[in-house]
Amino acid sequence: MFAHALLLLAMASSVAVQESQATSDSLLRPPEVPEIQSALVLTSDRPELGERLQVVFWPEHRGRAERVIRTVESRPVLPGIPPEYPRRAVLFLAPDEARWVALTGGRAPHWGAGVAIPRYHRIVLPVFQTPWDGFQSESRTVRHEWAHLGLHDYLSGLRIPRWFDEGYAQWSSGGWNVQEAWRLRLILAGGRAPPLDSLSLVWPSDRASAEIAYLLSATAVEYLVRESGTRGMEVFLERWRESRDFEDSFRRTFGVTTGTFERQWLEYVKGRYGFILILAQSTLFWLALGVALLVLFRIRRRRDRERMARLRASEGPELPAWWEPPRTPPIGGFREEGPPKRREDDESVDPTERAR
């Protein structure tokens, strides 16, 4: 009987190992992806990452795969989340549109720079185009999608409002650059900003509107962190994970409801990125530009004067020396005057002196 029990236990363990192996193989090599058997897998040498990150790529993109590994290794820990999250991430480098569609299920926009699918622990980056030359860089895209997986893994399948999901990923990936900040100012000046609650319901499908939504979501999380610090974000996520109630955890942590927060956030965004700030910064910009041009003009003018002085010092006289008449007449006199007159022919001589 005991031997029979051991045999059943061994068979159950074997089945569990096989199922785990099959699950792992399906994560790394989804059967619906064309030519998946020719793909290669790269892992990190860092002990804190280990098997948590695996990059699946095709042979012609090994350099990209190594660069992605280095990007994650440089900043593997996400703010406000324990360092072991995400516990698993399989990052695919899609070499063409067919494999991009197969890996994303055809639901990702054609202009997308990256997609995270938490259900499959999957990140997909398109390497058959270069979408990073516009909205954000490749390294920020990798960190952005890494943050998506970490947040969803830590919250254990909770439904996350889209504005918070995207805002957290944008904040975790490095925040703002100057171009994005100015773009948001122009958006607010034109009155094209949608309300925050609309971002929770419908995410824009066209690229221009989606980029506006990304920027606004990032400012919302930026405002939360500015008011409560990274520690406040950590407490909020921990409470949300335990209570599984977003609104209650938000109110207990930040002291306001999401409706009040939205009004405060709008005031913050308009104050920091609004039209008045554009005018103020534009005035300062043109004033600085005018001063710079004036300084450059004076430097150029002084340099031209010094250059002209050097040229005048090095140039010859206006007429060559041999053009000037000699100071004493030459022997025989000047040609145009003829030979010198004899003394006796000189009318100016006294006649009395001739007789002598």
Protein backbone atom coordinates (compact mmCIF):
# COMPACT_ATOMS: atom_id res chain seq x y z
CA MET A 1 0.00 0.00 0.00
CA PHE A 2 2.81 2.38 0.93
CA ALA A 3 4.66 1.61 -2.30
CA HIS A 4 1.46 2.18 -4.25
CA ALA A 5 1.03 5.60 -2.60
CA LEU A 6 4.61 6.51 -3.46
CA LEU A 7 4.01 5.47 -7.05
CA LEU A 8 0.88 7.65 -7.28
CA LEU A 9 2.76 10.60 -5.74
CA ALA A 10 5.60 10.18 -8.22
CA MET A 11 3.16 10.04 -11.13
CA ALA A 12 1.39 13.20 -9.90
CA SER A 13 4.71 15.00 -9.55
CA SER A 14 5.71 13.91 -13.04
CA VAL A 15 2.43 15.22 -14.47
CA ALA A 16 2.88 18.55 -12.65
CA VAL A 17 6.41 18.91 -14.02
CA GLN A 18 5.23 18.10 -17.53
CA GLU A 19 2.38 20.60 -17.28
CA SER A 20 4.75 23.26 -15.97
CA GLN A 21 7.19 22.51 -18.79
CA ALA A 22 4.39 22.69 -21.34
CA THR A 23 3.22 26.02 -19.93
CA SER A 24 6.75 27.40 -20.04
CA ASP A 25 7.21 26.21 -23.62
CA SER A 26 3.92 27.81 -24.68
CA LEU A 27 5.00 31.11 -23.14
CA LEU A 28 8.34 31.07 -24.95
CA ARG A 29 7.14 29.51 -28.23
CA PRO A 30 3.46 30.27 -28.88
CA PRO A 31 2.34 27.86 -31.60
CA GLU A 32 0.34 30.53 -33.44
CA VAL A 33 3.48 32.55 -34.24
CA PRO A 34 5.03 31.83 -37.69
CA GLU A 35 8.56 30.34 -37.65
CA ILE A 36 8.62 30.29 -33.86
CA GLN A 37 10.84 27.22 -33.83
CA SER A 38 13.70 29.21 -35.36
CA ALA A 39 13.55 31.83 -32.58
CA LEU A 40 16.29 32.07 -29.94
CA VAL A 41 16.03 32.88 -26.24
CA LEU A 42 18.33 35.18 -24.27
CA THR A 43 18.36 35.54 -20.48
CA SER A 44 20.12 37.87 -18.07
CA ASP A 45 23.26 36.95 -16.15
CA ARG A 46 22.17 39.08 -13.18
CA PRO A 47 21.06 36.97 -10.18
CA GLU A 48 18.25 39.40 -9.32
CA LEU A 49 16.71 38.78 -12.75
CA GLY A 50 17.66 35.20 -13.55
CA GLU A 51 14.74 33.52 -15.31
CA ARG A 52 12.41 36.43 -14.63
CA LEU A 53 13.31 38.02 -17.97
CA GLN A 54 13.63 36.09 -21.22
CA VAL A 55 13.99 37.75 -24.61
CA VAL A 56 12.75 35.77 -27.61
CA PHE A 57 14.22 36.92 -30.92
CA TRP A 58 15.16 35.76 -34.37
CA PRO A 59 18.87 35.43 -35.28
CA GLU A 60 19.13 38.70 -37.21
CA HIS A 61 18.18 40.72 -34.11
CA ARG A 62 20.63 39.42 -31.49
CA GLY A 63 22.06 42.91 -31.00
CA ARG A 64 18.62 44.28 -30.17
CA ALA A 65 18.00 41.44 -27.73
CA GLU A 66 21.24 42.16 -25.88
CA ARG A 67 20.37 45.85 -25.74
CA VAL A 68 16.94 45.09 -24.23
CA ILE A 69 18.58 42.93 -21.56
CA ARG A 70 20.97 45.75 -20.64
CA THR A 71 18.09 48.24 -20.48
CA VAL A 72 16.18 46.17 -17.93
CA GLU A 73 19.35 45.37 -15.98
CA SER A 74 20.06 49.07 -15.55
CA ARG A 75 16.75 49.68 -13.68
CA PRO A 76 15.00 46.41 -12.77
CA VAL A 77 13.22 47.66 -9.61
CA LEU A 78 9.91 49.47 -10.04
CA PRO A 79 8.95 52.33 -7.68
CA GLY A 80 6.33 51.51 -5.05
CA ILE A 81 6.47 47.76 -5.79
CA PRO A 82 8.58 45.01 -4.17
CA PRO A 83 11.76 44.31 -6.17
CA GLU A 84 10.75 40.77 -7.21
CA TYR A 85 7.97 42.05 -9.50
CA PRO A 86 7.32 41.26 -12.27
CA ARG A 87 8.06 37.64 -11.43
CA ARG A 88 8.04 36.62 -15.09
CA ALA A 89 8.43 38.52 -18.35
CA VAL A 90 8.87 37.10 -21.84
CA LEU A 91 9.81 39.84 -24.27
CA PHE A 92 9.39 39.16 -27.99
CA LEU A 93 11.13 41.10 -30.75
CA ALA A 94 8.71 40.85 -33.67
CA PRO A 95 10.71 40.97 -36.94
CA ASP A 96 7.75 41.57 -39.28
CA GLU A 97 4.11 42.55 -39.27
CA ALA A 98 2.82 38.95 -39.49
CA ARG A 99 4.56 37.94 -36.27
CA TRP A 100 3.63 41.26 -34.65
CA VAL A 101 -0.06 40.56 -35.34
CA ALA A 102 0.26 36.94 -34.15
CA LEU A 103 1.94 37.95 -30.88
CA THR A 104 -0.42 40.84 -30.10
CA GLY A 105 -3.61 39.13 -31.26
CA GLY A 106 -4.15 41.84 -33.86
CA ARG A 107 -5.46 44.25 -31.23
CA ALA A 108 -2.45 46.54 -31.04
CA PRO A 109 -2.39 49.71 -33.18
CA HIS A 110 -0.05 49.70 -36.15
CA TRP A 111 1.81 52.72 -34.75
CA GLY A 112 2.43 51.10 -31.35
CA ALA A 113 5.99 51.18 -30.05
CA GLY A 114 5.35 48.28 -27.67
CA VAL A 115 2.61 46.17 -26.11
CA ALA A 116 2.32 44.45 -22.73
CA ILE A 117 -0.06 41.49 -22.31
CA PRO A 118 -0.06 40.66 -18.58
CA ARG A 119 -2.17 37.52 -18.99
CA TYR A 120 0.66 35.87 -20.92
CA HIS A 121 3.51 37.67 -19.08
CA ARG A 122 4.36 39.01 -22.52
CA ILE A 123 5.93 42.13 -23.96
CA VAL A 124 6.10 42.62 -27.72
CA LEU A 125 8.32 45.16 -29.46
CA PRO A 126 8.22 45.68 -33.24
CA VAL A 127 11.73 45.70 -34.71
CA PHE A 128 10.65 45.89 -38.35
CA GLN A 129 10.00 49.62 -37.94
CA THR A 130 11.48 52.45 -35.88
CA PRO A 131 8.60 54.01 -33.93
CA TRP A 132 10.94 55.30 -31.20
CA ASP A 133 12.10 58.32 -33.20
CA GLY A 134 8.90 60.19 -32.26
CA PHE A 135 7.02 59.91 -29.00
CA GLN A 136 9.63 58.16 -26.85
CA SER A 137 12.88 56.24 -27.07
CA GLU A 138 13.36 52.49 -27.26
CA SER A 139 14.77 52.25 -23.74
CA ARG A 140 11.79 54.13 -22.29
CA THR A 141 9.43 51.86 -24.23
CA VAL A 142 11.07 48.77 -22.70
CA ARG A 143 10.81 50.23 -19.17
CA HIS A 144 7.23 51.32 -19.84
CA GLU A 145 6.08 47.81 -20.76
CA TRP A 146 8.16 46.27 -17.94
CA ALA A 147 6.26 48.52 -15.51
CA HIS A 148 2.92 47.34 -16.93
CA LEU A 149 3.78 43.72 -16.21
CA GLY A 150 5.11 44.51 -12.74
CA LEU A 151 2.02 46.50 -11.73
CA HIS A 152 -0.43 43.87 -12.96
CA ASP A 153 1.56 41.02 -11.43
CA TYR A 154 1.73 42.76 -8.03
CA LEU A 155 -1.99 43.61 -8.02
CA SER A 156 -2.87 40.00 -8.81
CA GLY A 157 -5.29 40.47 -11.64
CA LEU A 158 -7.17 43.47 -10.25
CA ARG A 159 -8.93 45.71 -12.74
CA ILE A 160 -6.75 48.83 -13.03
CA PRO A 161 -8.12 52.13 -14.38
CA ARG A 162 -6.46 52.85 -17.69
CA TRP A 163 -5.30 56.32 -16.69
CA PHE A 164 -3.53 54.94 -13.62
CA ASP A 165 -2.08 51.97 -15.51
CA GLU A 166 -0.59 54.14 -18.24
CA GLY A 167 0.35 56.96 -15.90
CA TYR A 168 2.25 54.62 -13.57
CA ALA A 169 4.10 53.03 -16.51
CA GLN A 170 4.97 56.44 -17.95
CA TRP A 171 6.20 57.71 -14.58
CA SER A 172 8.21 54.54 -13.92
CA SER A 173 9.88 54.67 -17.33
CA GLY A 174 11.52 58.00 -16.64
CA GLY A 175 8.87 60.70 -16.59
CA TRP A 176 9.05 63.69 -18.87
CA ASN A 177 11.27 65.23 -21.45
CA VAL A 178 11.19 68.83 -22.66
CA GLN A 179 9.45 68.04 -25.94
CA GLU A 180 6.58 66.22 -24.22
CA ALA A 181 6.10 68.98 -21.65
CA TRP A 182 5.80 71.63 -24.35
CA ARG A 183 3.45 69.45 -26.35
CA LEU A 184 1.14 69.14 -23.34
CA ARG A 185 1.20 72.93 -22.88
CA LEU A 186 0.09 73.44 -26.47
CA ILE A 187 -2.64 70.81 -26.04
CA LEU A 188 -4.02 72.57 -22.97
CA ALA A 189 -3.75 75.95 -24.66
CA GLY A 190 -5.87 74.64 -27.52
CA GLY A 191 -8.49 73.19 -25.17
CA ARG A 192 -8.05 69.66 -26.55
CA ALA A 193 -7.55 67.83 -23.24
CA PRO A 194 -10.23 65.21 -22.37
CA PRO A 195 -11.39 64.83 -18.73
CA LEU A 196 -9.56 62.27 -16.62
CA ASP A 197 -12.63 60.10 -16.05
CA SER A 198 -13.03 59.58 -19.81
CA LEU A 199 -9.60 57.95 -19.91
CA SER A 200 -10.90 55.27 -17.56
CA LEU A 201 -13.66 54.28 -19.97
CA VAL A 202 -12.46 54.68 -23.55
CA TRP A 203 -8.81 54.90 -24.57
CA PRO A 204 -8.30 56.76 -27.87
CA SER A 205 -7.44 54.59 -30.88
CA ASP A 206 -5.74 57.17 -33.11
CA ARG A 207 -2.14 58.03 -32.41
CA ALA A 208 -2.51 61.77 -31.78
CA SER A 209 -5.33 61.38 -29.26
CA ALA A 210 -3.63 58.40 -27.59
CA GLU A 211 -0.43 60.39 -27.06
CA ILE A 212 -2.49 63.15 -25.42
CA ALA A 213 -4.05 60.52 -23.13
CA TYR A 214 -0.59 59.16 -22.23
CA LEU A 215 0.63 62.64 -21.34
CA LEU A 216 -2.40 63.45 -19.21
CA SER A 217 -2.23 60.12 -17.41
CA ALA A 218 1.42 60.72 -16.64
CA THR A 219 0.61 64.13 -15.11
CA ALA A 220 -2.04 62.53 -12.87
CA VAL A 221 0.44 60.06 -11.37
CA GLU A 222 3.10 62.77 -11.28
CA TYR A 223 0.75 64.89 -9.17
CA LEU A 224 0.07 62.01 -6.76
CA VAL A 225 3.80 61.39 -6.28
CA ARG A 226 4.50 65.10 -5.89
CA GLU A 227 1.89 65.41 -3.14
CA SER A 228 2.62 62.17 -1.25
CA GLY A 229 6.04 60.97 -2.42
CA THR A 230 7.05 57.51 -3.55
CA ARG A 231 6.17 56.20 -0.09
CA GLY A 232 2.57 57.32 -0.57
CA MET A 233 2.40 55.39 -3.84
CA GLU A 234 3.81 52.33 -2.11
CA VAL A 235 1.21 52.50 0.71
CA PHE A 236 -1.62 53.00 -1.77
CA LEU A 237 -0.64 50.01 -3.92
CA GLU A 238 -0.24 47.82 -0.85
CA ARG A 239 -3.68 48.79 0.50
CA TRP A 240 -5.26 48.34 -2.90
CA ARG A 241 -3.72 44.88 -3.23
CA GLU A 242 -5.07 43.83 0.17
CA SER A 243 -8.55 45.40 0.05
CA ARG A 244 -9.05 45.03 -3.73
CA ASP A 245 -10.99 48.31 -3.67
CA PHE A 246 -9.42 51.15 -5.68
CA GLU A 247 -11.69 53.98 -4.49
CA ASP A 248 -11.47 53.12 -0.79
CA SER A 249 -7.68 52.64 -0.87
CA PHE A 250 -7.28 55.90 -2.78
CA ARG A 251 -9.31 57.87 -0.23
CA ARG A 252 -7.58 56.28 2.79
CA THR A 253 -4.12 56.97 1.38
CA PHE A 254 -4.43 60.39 -0.26
CA GLY A 255 -7.29 61.80 1.85
CA VAL A 256 -9.55 62.69 -1.11
CA THR A 257 -11.97 60.91 -3.40
CA THR A 258 -11.07 60.41 -7.04
CA GLY A 259 -13.61 63.11 -8.00
CA THR A 260 -11.92 65.68 -5.74
CA PHE A 261 -8.53 64.51 -6.95
CA GLU A 262 -9.55 65.13 -10.56
CA ARG A 263 -10.47 68.76 -9.81
CA GLN A 264 -7.19 69.30 -7.96
CA TRP A 265 -5.26 67.59 -10.74
CA LEU A 266 -6.82 69.84 -13.40
CA GLU A 267 -5.78 72.92 -11.43
CA TYR A 268 -2.28 71.53 -11.06
CA VAL A 269 -1.96 70.73 -14.78
CA LYS A 270 -3.28 74.12 -15.89
CA GLY A 271 -1.04 75.89 -13.43
CA ARG A 272 2.08 74.05 -14.44
CA TYR A 273 1.51 73.42 -18.14
CA GLY A 274 -1.19 75.98 -18.98
CA PHE A 275 -1.45 78.89 -21.40
CA ILE A 276 -0.22 81.56 -18.97
CA LEU A 277 2.95 79.58 -18.42
CA ILE A 278 3.44 79.37 -22.18
CA LEU A 279 3.26 83.16 -22.46
CA ALA A 280 5.58 83.67 -19.51
CA GLN A 281 8.14 81.20 -20.80
CA SER A 282 7.78 82.56 -24.35
CA THR A 283 8.52 86.11 -23.09
CA LEU A 284 11.57 84.88 -21.25
CA PHE A 285 12.62 82.90 -24.31
CA TRP A 286 12.43 85.87 -26.69
CA LEU A 287 14.12 88.14 -24.16
CA ALA A 288 16.97 85.67 -23.78
CA LEU A 289 17.18 85.29 -27.55
CA GLY A 290 17.34 89.07 -28.01
CA VAL A 291 20.13 89.42 -25.45
CA ALA A 292 22.05 86.57 -27.08
CA LEU A 293 21.73 88.16 -30.53
CA LEU A 294 22.89 91.53 -29.18
CA VAL A 295 25.95 89.94 -27.57
CA LEU A 296 26.75 88.07 -30.77
CA PHE A 297 26.39 91.29 -32.81
CA ARG A 298 28.82 93.14 -30.58
CA ILE A 299 31.33 90.30 -30.67
CA ARG A 300 31.08 90.17 -34.46
CA ARG A 301 31.44 93.93 -34.76
CA ARG A 302 34.55 94.00 -32.55
CA ARG A 303 36.06 91.10 -34.47
CA ASP A 304 35.44 92.89 -37.78
CA ARG A 305 37.14 96.02 -36.47
CA GLU A 306 40.20 94.07 -35.35
CA ARG A 307 40.36 92.29 -38.68
CA MET A 308 40.15 95.57 -40.63
CA ALA A 309 42.93 97.08 -38.49
CA ARG A 310 45.19 94.10 -39.24
CA LEU A 311 44.49 94.39 -42.98
CA ARG A 312 45.28 98.10 -43.03
CA ALA A 313 48.52 97.56 -41.13
CA SER A 314 49.71 94.93 -43.60
CA GLU A 315 48.74 96.67 -46.90
CA GLY A 316 51.21 98.77 -48.95
CA PRO A 317 51.05 102.55 -49.63
CA GLU A 318 48.37 103.91 -51.94
CA LEU A 319 51.00 104.75 -54.67
CA PRO A 320 54.23 102.81 -55.30
CA ALA A 321 57.44 104.59 -54.32
CA TRP A 322 58.60 104.86 -57.95
CA TRP A 323 55.50 106.89 -58.81
CA GLU A 324 56.55 109.75 -56.50
CA PRO A 325 58.77 112.54 -57.93
CA PRO A 326 62.37 112.57 -56.59
CA ARG A 327 63.17 115.07 -53.93
CA THR A 328 66.16 116.52 -55.99
CA PRO A 329 66.23 116.84 -59.81
CA PRO A 330 68.25 114.19 -61.61
CA ILE A 331 71.39 115.03 -63.54
CA GLY A 332 70.30 116.70 -66.76
CA GLY A 333 66.98 117.83 -65.28
CA PHE A 334 63.51 116.46 -65.84
CA ARG A 335 62.75 115.34 -69.38
CA GLU A 336 59.77 117.56 -69.82
CA GLU A 337 61.85 120.62 -68.84
CA GLY A 338 64.76 119.99 -71.28
CA PRO A 339 68.48 120.65 -70.59
CA PRO A 340 69.37 123.39 -68.12
CA LYS A 341 69.82 126.88 -69.65
CA ARG A 342 73.26 128.35 -70.00
CA ARG A 343 74.13 131.17 -67.65
CA GLU A 344 74.68 133.78 -70.37
CA ASP A 345 71.31 133.10 -71.83
CA ASP A 346 69.67 133.60 -68.57
CA GLU A 347 67.82 136.90 -68.75
CA SER A 348 68.04 137.23 -65.09
CA VAL A 349 71.85 137.84 -65.22
CA ASP A 350 73.02 141.43 -64.91
CA PRO A 351 74.31 142.79 -68.35
CA THR A 352 77.28 144.30 -66.68
CA GLU A 353 78.32 140.83 -65.56
CA ARG A 354 78.29 139.54 -69.21
CA ALA A 355 81.02 141.93 -70.24
CA ARG A 356 83.23 140.70 -67.59
